[in-house]
């Protein structure tokens, strides 16, 4: 596993929503601003075809293992239900694409 944590830094778990297809992308990084710019500019292979993106949610952690556990959870069915509740006002205005 690649260590993302900078000295005394935070690890961020974040959720993006594609303005093109309304789908979500969930990721983890130690530098949220840089990583968001990579998604926007097409430097990220996994998201370049679905630009532009909105950053709609993030959480900060001190321990990479805690952030990784949260990322895994948010990618699960329970995590998607959590996001639906947590971001209900956002999704009322910008509905997300349903996953199959």
Protein backbone atom coordinates (compact mmCIF):
# COMPACT_ATOMS: atom_id res chain seq x y z
CA UNK A 1 0.00 0.00 0.00
CA UNK A 2 1.31 3.44 -0.87
CA UNK A 3 1.54 5.75 2.11
CA UNK A 4 -0.48 8.88 1.42
CA UNK A 5 0.03 10.60 4.74
CA UNK A 6 2.29 13.62 4.85
CA UNK A 7 4.00 14.50 8.11
CA UNK A 8 1.20 15.61 10.46
CA UNK A 9 -1.15 15.75 7.48
CA UNK A 10 -4.67 14.61 6.97
CA UNK A 11 -5.98 11.90 4.67
CA UNK A 12 -9.17 12.82 2.82
CA UNK A 13 -11.92 10.55 1.61
CA UNK A 14 -13.92 12.42 -1.01
CA UNK A 15 -16.94 12.09 -3.26
CA UNK A 16 -17.16 13.64 -6.70
CA UNK A 17 -20.23 13.84 -8.90
CA UNK A 18 -19.89 13.95 -12.66
CA UNK A 19 -21.67 16.87 -14.28
CA UNK A 20 -21.75 14.82 -17.49
CA UNK A 21 -23.53 11.66 -16.32
CA UNK A 22 -24.40 12.39 -12.63
CA UNK A 23 -22.42 9.35 -11.47
CA UNK A 24 -20.29 9.34 -8.36
CA UNK A 25 -16.59 8.72 -7.83
CA UNK A 26 -15.21 7.97 -4.35
CA UNK A 27 -11.50 8.30 -3.63
CA UNK A 28 -8.82 8.96 -1.03
CA UNK A 29 -5.85 11.35 -1.04
CA UNK A 30 -3.46 13.32 1.15
CA UNK A 31 -3.77 16.42 -1.07
CA UNK A 32 -7.41 17.08 -1.90
CA UNK A 33 -6.84 20.25 -3.93
CA UNK A 34 -4.21 18.63 -6.14
CA UNK A 35 -6.23 15.45 -6.61
CA UNK A 36 -9.38 17.39 -7.53
CA UNK A 37 -7.40 19.34 -10.15
CA UNK A 38 -6.11 16.03 -11.55
CA UNK A 39 -9.68 14.81 -11.93
CA UNK A 40 -10.75 18.08 -13.58
CA UNK A 41 -7.81 18.19 -16.00
CA UNK A 42 -8.16 14.58 -17.14
CA UNK A 43 -4.93 13.35 -15.52
CA UNK A 44 -6.83 10.58 -13.73
CA UNK A 45 -7.51 7.67 -16.09
CA UNK A 46 -10.52 6.49 -14.10
CA UNK A 47 -12.39 9.80 -14.32
CA UNK A 48 -11.16 11.65 -17.40
CA UNK A 49 -14.04 10.52 -19.61
CA UNK A 50 -16.73 11.84 -17.26
CA UNK A 51 -15.59 15.43 -16.70
CA UNK A 52 -16.34 17.98 -15.35
CA UNK A 53 -16.66 17.04 -11.69
CA UNK A 54 -18.18 18.62 -8.59
CA UNK A 55 -16.65 17.93 -5.19
CA UNK A 56 -19.77 17.20 -3.15
CA UNK A 57 -18.43 15.66 0.06
CA UNK A 58 -15.23 14.93 1.97
CA UNK A 59 -14.04 13.70 5.35
CA UNK A 60 -10.59 14.09 6.93
CA UNK A 61 -8.70 11.44 8.90
CA UNK A 62 -5.40 11.31 10.77
CA UNK A 63 -4.82 7.61 10.13
CA UNK A 64 -4.62 6.22 6.60
CA UNK A 65 -6.13 2.93 7.75
CA UNK A 66 -9.21 4.77 9.08
CA UNK A 67 -9.58 6.64 5.79
CA UNK A 68 -9.21 3.42 3.79
CA UNK A 69 -11.92 1.73 5.86
CA UNK A 70 -14.24 4.68 5.28
CA UNK A 71 -13.54 4.69 1.53
CA UNK A 72 -14.38 0.99 1.33
CA UNK A 73 -17.59 1.60 3.31
CA UNK A 74 -18.72 4.52 1.13
CA UNK A 75 -18.28 2.34 -1.96
CA UNK A 76 -20.61 -0.29 -0.47
CA UNK A 77 -24.39 -0.38 -0.55
CA UNK A 78 -24.56 0.85 3.04
CA UNK A 79 -22.19 3.67 2.18
CA UNK A 80 -24.31 4.72 -0.79
CA UNK A 81 -27.36 4.76 1.47
CA UNK A 82 -25.42 6.90 3.98
CA UNK A 83 -24.51 9.37 1.22
CA UNK A 84 -28.11 9.45 0.00
CA UNK A 85 -29.21 10.50 3.50
CA UNK A 86 -26.27 12.78 4.25
CA UNK A 87 -26.54 14.60 0.92
CA UNK A 88 -30.31 14.43 0.44
CA UNK A 89 -30.62 18.16 -0.31
CA UNK A 90 -27.80 18.03 -2.86
CA UNK A 91 -29.26 14.95 -4.55
CA UNK A 92 -32.72 16.57 -4.61
CA UNK A 93 -31.20 19.30 -6.76
CA UNK A 94 -28.64 17.15 -8.62
CA UNK A 95 -29.95 13.55 -8.69
CA UNK A 96 -27.21 10.94 -8.87
CA UNK A 97 -27.11 8.19 -11.46
CA UNK A 98 -28.38 4.93 -10.04
CA UNK A 99 -25.90 2.09 -9.94
CA UNK A 100 -26.94 -1.38 -11.00
